Amino acid sequence: MVNLHTTIGSFGFDNVLMNASGVRCMTAADLDKLADTVAGTLITKSGTPEARTGNPSPRAAGLPFGSINSMGLPNLGIDYYIDYVEKFQEKHPDKPIFLSVAGLGPDDYHVIAKKIQASNFTGPTEFNLSCPNVPGKPQIAYDIPTTRRILDDMFSFFTKPAGIKLPPYFDLTQFDDMAAVLNDYPLTFINSMNSIGNGMAIDPETDTTLIKPKGGFGGIGGTYAKPIALANVRAFRLRLRPEIAIIGTGGVTSGRDVYDLILCGASMVQLGTVLGIEGLGVFQRLTEELSAEMAKKGYTSISDFQGKLKTLD
């Protein structure tokens, strides 16, 4: 028998799979449907201090090997999602749920963290420092001093389980610099990674960009992202304190893709583009495919291969 149980901090989950924030998780009805799947847990849309409609349409499109989007953080506001997760944990005390939050600037994180600290929610919160799709707003986690300032302020009062959602990094010195920051704080997890920011796709019939916001620039997800996601998970697993868990996100279309992210060091795996395309049934398919891959290798638990990537001599 294959066991897909995993842990993030003190929280246990019966399956390594969950949704990525931003996909099929906007409303309470969406979240309830996710909770009814075989996924190990679920995460809310990234809530901002106030509700947002996001960027103008068309703001998302499919590509041959993935997707491009510039959604602009549409969401129903932090108060809506805090209310949902509080009610969820009352109804499901043995099933942890993740809350995702995002700010449009550094000061927003203070406001958001204060609200969560004052709430009855005791589960893990994902602080998204990595949205590439808000016009005029930078990806905060590419700015090391600003990231440290946010975390200094937040952890001066925030005592609940917290993680950081990161953008993709591409240079080994970037991994070194960000890991040095993250290791200084009592983080429960990181999520690596968000979509690859500021790609572009063109309609060959009209010679126009596929999406409207930001002149056609958007985040790239799907199969295109897998090699970058593997590298980011591996690089951070080699650099972070072992008690900081990693959620691997990016490029999953098969059970083998899930396996590879765990092999690189992930404790859980989020589904984004593939969940948007295939729907909620993808959790069952990937659970079966991951179980088959593990059985083929003779593994019965995640710990049998987690983080045990081999390299060439």
Protein backbone atom coordinates (compact mmCIF):
# COMPACT_ATOMS: atom_id res chain seq x y z
CA MET A 1 0.00 0.00 0.00
CA VAL A 2 1.23 3.49 -0.91
CA ASN A 3 0.80 6.19 1.74
CA LEU A 4 0.72 9.81 0.52
CA HIS A 5 0.67 11.34 4.01
CA THR A 6 2.83 14.43 4.44
CA THR A 7 3.40 17.25 6.92
CA ILE A 8 3.91 21.00 6.90
CA GLY A 9 5.05 22.13 10.32
CA SER A 10 2.69 20.58 12.87
CA PHE A 11 -0.04 19.98 10.28
CA GLY A 12 -0.65 16.58 8.74
CA PHE A 13 -2.24 15.86 5.34
CA ASP A 14 -3.41 12.59 3.79
CA ASN A 15 -2.42 13.62 0.27
CA VAL A 16 0.45 15.75 -1.05
CA LEU A 17 -1.78 17.51 -3.62
CA MET A 18 -3.60 20.83 -3.25
CA ASN A 19 -4.74 23.68 -5.46
CA ALA A 20 -2.61 26.72 -6.17
CA SER A 21 -4.08 30.00 -5.01
CA GLY A 22 -5.72 31.70 -7.95
CA VAL A 23 -7.29 28.64 -9.57
CA ARG A 24 -10.89 27.59 -8.85
CA CYS A 25 -10.81 29.12 -5.37
CA MET A 26 -12.39 32.58 -5.61
CA THR A 27 -15.69 31.98 -3.81
CA ALA A 28 -16.92 29.92 -0.87
CA ALA A 29 -18.69 27.66 -3.38
CA ASP A 30 -15.41 27.11 -5.25
CA LEU A 31 -13.58 26.31 -2.02
CA ASP A 32 -16.29 23.90 -0.88
CA LYS A 33 -15.91 21.97 -4.14
CA LEU A 34 -12.14 21.74 -3.63
CA ALA A 35 -12.71 20.43 -0.11
CA ASP A 36 -14.77 17.56 -1.56
CA THR A 37 -11.91 16.24 -3.72
CA VAL A 38 -9.16 13.79 -2.76
CA ALA A 39 -6.70 16.67 -2.39
CA GLY A 40 -4.90 16.77 0.93
CA THR A 41 -6.02 20.33 1.61
CA LEU A 42 -6.98 23.57 -0.13
CA ILE A 43 -5.93 27.20 -0.19
CA THR A 44 -7.98 30.35 -0.70
CA LYS A 45 -7.56 32.99 -3.36
CA SER A 46 -4.96 35.56 -2.30
CA GLY A 47 -6.99 38.09 -0.34
CA THR A 48 -5.99 41.75 -0.45
CA PRO A 49 -7.03 44.43 2.06
CA GLU A 50 -9.95 45.36 -0.19
CA ALA A 51 -11.82 43.36 -2.84
CA ARG A 52 -10.43 43.69 -6.39
CA THR A 53 -11.92 43.08 -9.82
CA GLY A 54 -8.47 42.56 -11.32
CA ASN A 55 -7.23 43.38 -14.79
CA PRO A 56 -9.41 43.83 -17.92
CA SER A 57 -10.16 40.87 -20.16
CA PRO A 58 -8.92 38.98 -22.02
CA ARG A 59 -6.48 38.32 -19.19
CA ALA A 60 -5.75 34.60 -19.55
CA ALA A 61 -5.12 32.25 -22.45
CA GLY A 62 -4.04 28.69 -23.08
CA LEU A 63 -0.74 27.97 -24.82
CA PRO A 64 0.55 24.77 -26.49
CA PHE A 65 2.43 23.76 -23.33
CA GLY A 66 0.76 25.79 -20.60
CA SER A 67 -0.84 29.16 -20.06
CA ILE A 68 -0.33 32.90 -19.86
CA ASN A 69 -2.26 35.14 -17.50
CA SER A 70 -2.34 38.64 -16.12
CA MET A 71 -5.28 38.35 -13.74
CA GLY A 72 -4.29 41.24 -11.48
CA LEU A 73 -5.27 39.63 -8.17
CA PRO A 74 -9.06 39.59 -8.50
CA ASN A 75 -10.45 38.54 -5.12
CA LEU A 76 -13.24 39.15 -2.63
CA GLY A 77 -11.05 40.76 0.03
CA ILE A 78 -9.22 39.50 3.09
CA ASP A 79 -12.26 39.72 5.38
CA TYR A 80 -14.20 37.33 3.12
CA TYR A 81 -11.47 34.70 3.20
CA ILE A 82 -10.77 35.00 6.92
CA ASP A 83 -14.47 34.42 7.52
CA TYR A 84 -14.39 31.34 5.27
CA VAL A 85 -11.34 29.70 6.88
CA GLU A 86 -12.63 30.38 10.39
CA LYS A 87 -15.91 28.63 9.57
CA PHE A 88 -14.07 25.83 7.73
CA GLN A 89 -11.85 24.98 10.70
CA GLU A 90 -14.86 24.96 13.01
CA LYS A 91 -16.59 22.46 10.73
CA HIS A 92 -13.43 20.45 9.93
CA PRO A 93 -11.17 20.62 13.00
CA ASP A 94 -9.02 17.75 11.73
CA LYS A 95 -8.50 19.12 8.20
CA PRO A 96 -6.12 22.11 8.06
CA ILE A 97 -6.80 24.75 5.44
CA PHE A 98 -4.41 27.37 4.03
CA LEU A 99 -5.22 31.07 3.85
CA SER A 100 -3.48 33.03 1.07
CA VAL A 101 -3.03 36.80 1.29
CA ALA A 102 -1.34 39.46 -0.82
CA GLY A 103 -0.54 43.15 -0.58
CA LEU A 104 -0.16 45.73 -3.32
CA GLY A 105 2.70 47.29 -1.37
CA PRO A 106 4.83 46.57 1.71
CA ASP A 107 2.54 48.37 4.17
CA ASP A 108 -0.43 46.19 3.23
CA TYR A 109 1.20 43.15 4.83
CA HIS A 110 1.17 44.81 8.24
CA VAL A 111 -2.57 45.45 7.95
CA ILE A 112 -3.28 41.92 6.71
CA ALA A 113 -1.13 40.19 9.33
CA LYS A 114 -2.79 42.19 12.12
CA LYS A 115 -6.22 41.02 10.95
CA ILE A 116 -5.14 37.38 10.83
CA GLN A 117 -3.43 37.60 14.21
CA ALA A 118 -6.64 38.99 15.73
CA SER A 119 -8.81 36.32 14.08
CA ASN A 120 -9.71 32.84 15.29
CA PHE A 121 -7.89 31.21 12.37
CA THR A 122 -5.06 28.97 13.57
CA GLY A 123 -4.01 27.33 10.31
CA PRO A 124 -1.11 28.23 8.01
CA THR A 125 -1.14 31.53 6.13
CA GLU A 126 0.65 31.98 2.80
CA PHE A 127 1.90 35.54 2.38
CA ASN A 128 2.16 36.07 -1.37
CA LEU A 129 5.18 38.27 -2.13
CA SER A 130 5.30 37.26 -5.77
CA CYS A 131 2.40 38.39 -7.95
CA PRO A 132 3.85 39.51 -11.32
CA ASN A 133 0.57 40.74 -12.79
CA VAL A 134 -0.42 43.97 -11.05
CA PRO A 135 0.40 46.91 -13.36
CA GLY A 136 2.84 49.34 -11.77
CA LYS A 137 3.56 47.06 -8.81
CA PRO A 138 6.87 45.18 -8.44
CA GLN A 139 7.30 41.60 -7.31
CA ILE A 140 8.30 42.29 -3.72
CA ALA A 141 10.36 39.15 -3.25
CA TYR A 142 12.86 40.29 -5.87
CA ASP A 143 13.73 43.16 -3.53
CA ILE A 144 15.76 41.67 -0.68
CA PRO A 145 15.77 44.74 1.65
CA THR A 146 12.01 45.23 1.26
CA THR A 147 11.34 41.55 1.88
CA ARG A 148 13.40 41.69 5.06
CA ARG A 149 11.57 44.85 6.19
CA ILE A 150 8.19 43.16 5.72
CA LEU A 151 9.28 40.06 7.62
CA ASP A 152 10.88 42.08 10.42
CA ASP A 153 7.65 43.95 10.93
CA MET A 154 5.39 40.92 10.57
CA PHE A 155 7.24 38.66 12.96
CA SER A 156 7.45 41.39 15.58
CA PHE A 157 3.83 40.47 16.40
CA PHE A 158 2.66 37.57 14.20
CA THR A 159 2.75 34.27 16.08
CA LYS A 160 0.68 31.99 13.84
CA PRO A 161 2.05 29.52 11.24
CA ALA A 162 3.27 31.49 8.24
CA GLY A 163 4.81 30.86 4.86
CA ILE A 164 5.98 32.95 1.92
CA LYS A 165 5.03 32.48 -1.73
CA LEU A 166 8.04 33.27 -3.88
CA PRO A 167 8.60 34.15 -7.53
CA PRO A 168 10.99 32.05 -9.62
CA TYR A 169 14.69 32.80 -9.26
CA PHE A 170 17.24 32.18 -11.97
CA ASP A 171 20.71 32.81 -10.58
CA LEU A 172 22.42 30.84 -7.82
CA THR A 173 23.27 34.05 -6.00
CA GLN A 174 19.56 34.86 -5.86
CA PHE A 175 18.92 31.58 -4.06
CA ASP A 176 21.78 32.29 -1.67
CA ASP A 177 20.56 35.80 -0.89
CA MET A 178 16.88 34.92 -0.40
CA ALA A 179 17.61 31.79 1.64
CA ALA A 180 19.82 33.85 3.95
CA VAL A 181 16.83 36.11 4.58
CA LEU A 182 14.27 33.35 5.03
CA ASN A 183 16.46 31.41 7.45
CA ASP A 184 16.35 34.36 9.87
CA TYR A 185 12.60 34.02 10.51
CA PRO A 186 10.29 31.39 12.10
CA LEU A 187 8.71 30.39 8.80
CA THR A 188 6.71 27.18 8.61
CA PHE A 189 7.02 26.85 4.83
CA ILE A 190 7.75 28.53 1.52
CA ASN A 191 5.85 28.05 -1.72
CA SER A 192 8.13 27.87 -4.72
CA MET A 193 7.11 29.06 -7.19
CA ASN A 194 4.64 31.52 -8.68
CA SER A 195 4.28 31.88 -12.45
CA ILE A 196 7.23 33.03 -14.55
CA GLY A 197 6.59 36.74 -14.83
CA ASN A 198 6.31 38.82 -17.96
CA GLY A 199 6.21 36.35 -20.78
CA MET A 200 4.29 37.06 -23.96
CA ALA A 201 2.28 35.14 -26.55
CA ILE A 202 1.02 36.30 -29.98
CA ASP A 203 -2.01 35.33 -32.05
CA PRO A 204 -0.59 34.43 -35.51
CA GLU A 205 -3.87 35.26 -37.25
CA THR A 206 -4.14 38.83 -35.97
CA ASP A 207 -0.53 39.63 -34.94
CA THR A 208 -1.83 40.80 -31.57
CA THR A 209 -0.98 39.74 -28.05
CA LEU A 210 -3.19 37.02 -26.59
CA ILE A 211 -3.98 38.99 -23.44
CA LYS A 212 -4.81 42.65 -22.90
CA PRO A 213 -3.26 43.85 -19.59
CA LYS A 214 0.24 45.32 -19.48
CA GLY A 215 0.54 45.36 -23.26
CA GLY A 216 0.32 41.58 -23.41
CA PHE A 217 2.86 40.68 -20.72
CA GLY A 218 1.78 37.93 -18.33
CA GLY A 219 2.82 35.07 -16.07
CA ILE A 220 3.71 31.77 -17.75
CA GLY A 221 2.57 28.47 -16.24
CA GLY A 222 2.16 24.86 -17.22
CA THR A 223 4.74 22.52 -18.74
CA TYR A 224 6.97 25.46 -19.67
CA ALA A 225 7.53 26.09 -15.96
CA LYS A 226 8.53 22.61 -14.79
CA PRO A 227 12.34 22.83 -15.20
CA ILE A 228 12.37 26.19 -13.42
CA ALA A 229 10.14 24.88 -10.63
CA LEU A 230 12.35 21.82 -10.08
CA ALA A 231 15.44 24.01 -9.87
CA ASN A 232 13.82 26.42 -7.42
CA VAL A 233 12.58 23.67 -5.10
CA ARG A 234 15.95 21.92 -5.19
CA ALA A 235 17.95 25.11 -4.65
CA PHE A 236 15.91 26.16 -1.64
CA ARG A 237 15.85 22.67 -0.12
CA LEU A 238 19.64 22.70 -0.15
CA ARG A 239 19.78 26.14 1.50
CA LEU A 240 16.89 26.43 3.95
CA ARG A 241 16.73 25.16 7.50
CA PRO A 242 15.22 21.66 7.39
CA GLU A 243 12.22 22.69 9.49
CA ILE A 244 11.09 25.12 6.75
CA ALA A 245 8.95 22.94 4.48
CA ILE A 246 8.62 23.59 0.75
CA ILE A 247 5.43 23.50 -1.30
CA GLY A 248 6.41 22.86 -4.92
CA THR A 249 4.40 24.57 -7.63
CA GLY A 250 4.86 24.70 -11.38
CA GLY A 251 4.61 22.51 -14.44
CA VAL A 252 2.60 19.57 -13.11
CA THR A 253 0.63 17.59 -15.69
CA SER A 254 1.35 14.01 -14.57
CA GLY A 255 2.01 11.94 -11.48
CA ARG A 256 5.66 11.80 -12.48
CA ASP A 257 5.79 15.61 -12.35
CA VAL A 258 4.47 15.47 -8.77
CA TYR A 259 7.05 12.81 -7.96
CA ASP A 260 9.86 14.95 -9.38
CA LEU A 261 8.98 17.97 -7.24
CA ILE A 262 8.93 15.78 -4.13
CA LEU A 263 12.23 14.18 -5.21
CA CYS A 264 13.70 17.70 -5.30
CA GLY A 265 12.50 18.32 -1.74
CA ALA A 266 8.86 19.42 -1.79
CA SER A 267 6.55 18.31 1.02
CA MET A 268 3.38 19.21 -0.89
CA VAL A 269 2.59 20.04 -4.51
CA GLN A 270 0.14 22.66 -5.78
CA LEU A 271 -1.77 22.47 -9.06
CA GLY A 272 -2.38 25.60 -11.11
CA THR A 273 -2.67 25.51 -14.91
CA VAL A 274 -3.59 21.81 -15.05
CA LEU A 275 -6.37 22.34 -12.49
CA GLY A 276 -7.75 25.23 -14.50
CA ILE A 277 -7.74 23.20 -17.72
CA GLU A 278 -8.78 19.76 -16.48
CA GLY A 279 -10.99 20.57 -13.52
CA LEU A 280 -11.35 18.98 -10.10
CA GLY A 281 -11.00 15.43 -11.38
CA VAL A 282 -7.29 16.05 -11.90
CA PHE A 283 -6.66 15.42 -8.21
CA GLN A 284 -7.87 11.81 -8.51
CA ARG A 285 -5.90 11.21 -11.71
CA LEU A 286 -2.65 12.56 -10.33
CA THR A 287 -3.11 10.74 -7.03
CA GLU A 288 -3.41 7.47 -8.93
CA GLU A 289 -0.46 8.26 -11.19
CA LEU A 290 1.78 9.28 -8.28
CA SER A 291 0.82 6.13 -6.37
CA ALA A 292 1.65 4.01 -9.42
CA GLU A 293 5.01 5.74 -9.86
CA MET A 294 5.88 5.12 -6.21
CA ALA A 295 4.78 1.48 -6.39
CA LYS A 296 6.92 0.97 -9.50
CA LYS A 297 9.92 2.19 -7.51
CA GLY A 298 9.01 0.06 -4.50
CA TYR A 299 8.23 3.08 -2.30
CA THR A 300 5.43 3.04 0.24
CA SER A 301 5.73 6.57 1.68
CA ILE A 302 6.77 10.05 0.64
CA SER A 303 9.76 9.94 2.96
CA ASP A 304 11.22 7.07 0.92
CA PHE A 305 12.25 9.47 -1.84
CA GLN A 306 11.57 13.03 -0.68
CA GLY A 307 14.61 15.23 -1.29
CA LYS A 308 16.70 12.25 -2.45
CA LEU A 309 17.51 13.52 -5.93
CA LYS A 310 20.67 11.95 -7.33
CA THR A 311 23.25 13.97 -9.22
CA LEU A 312 25.94 12.85 -11.63
CA ASP A 313 29.47 12.46 -10.28
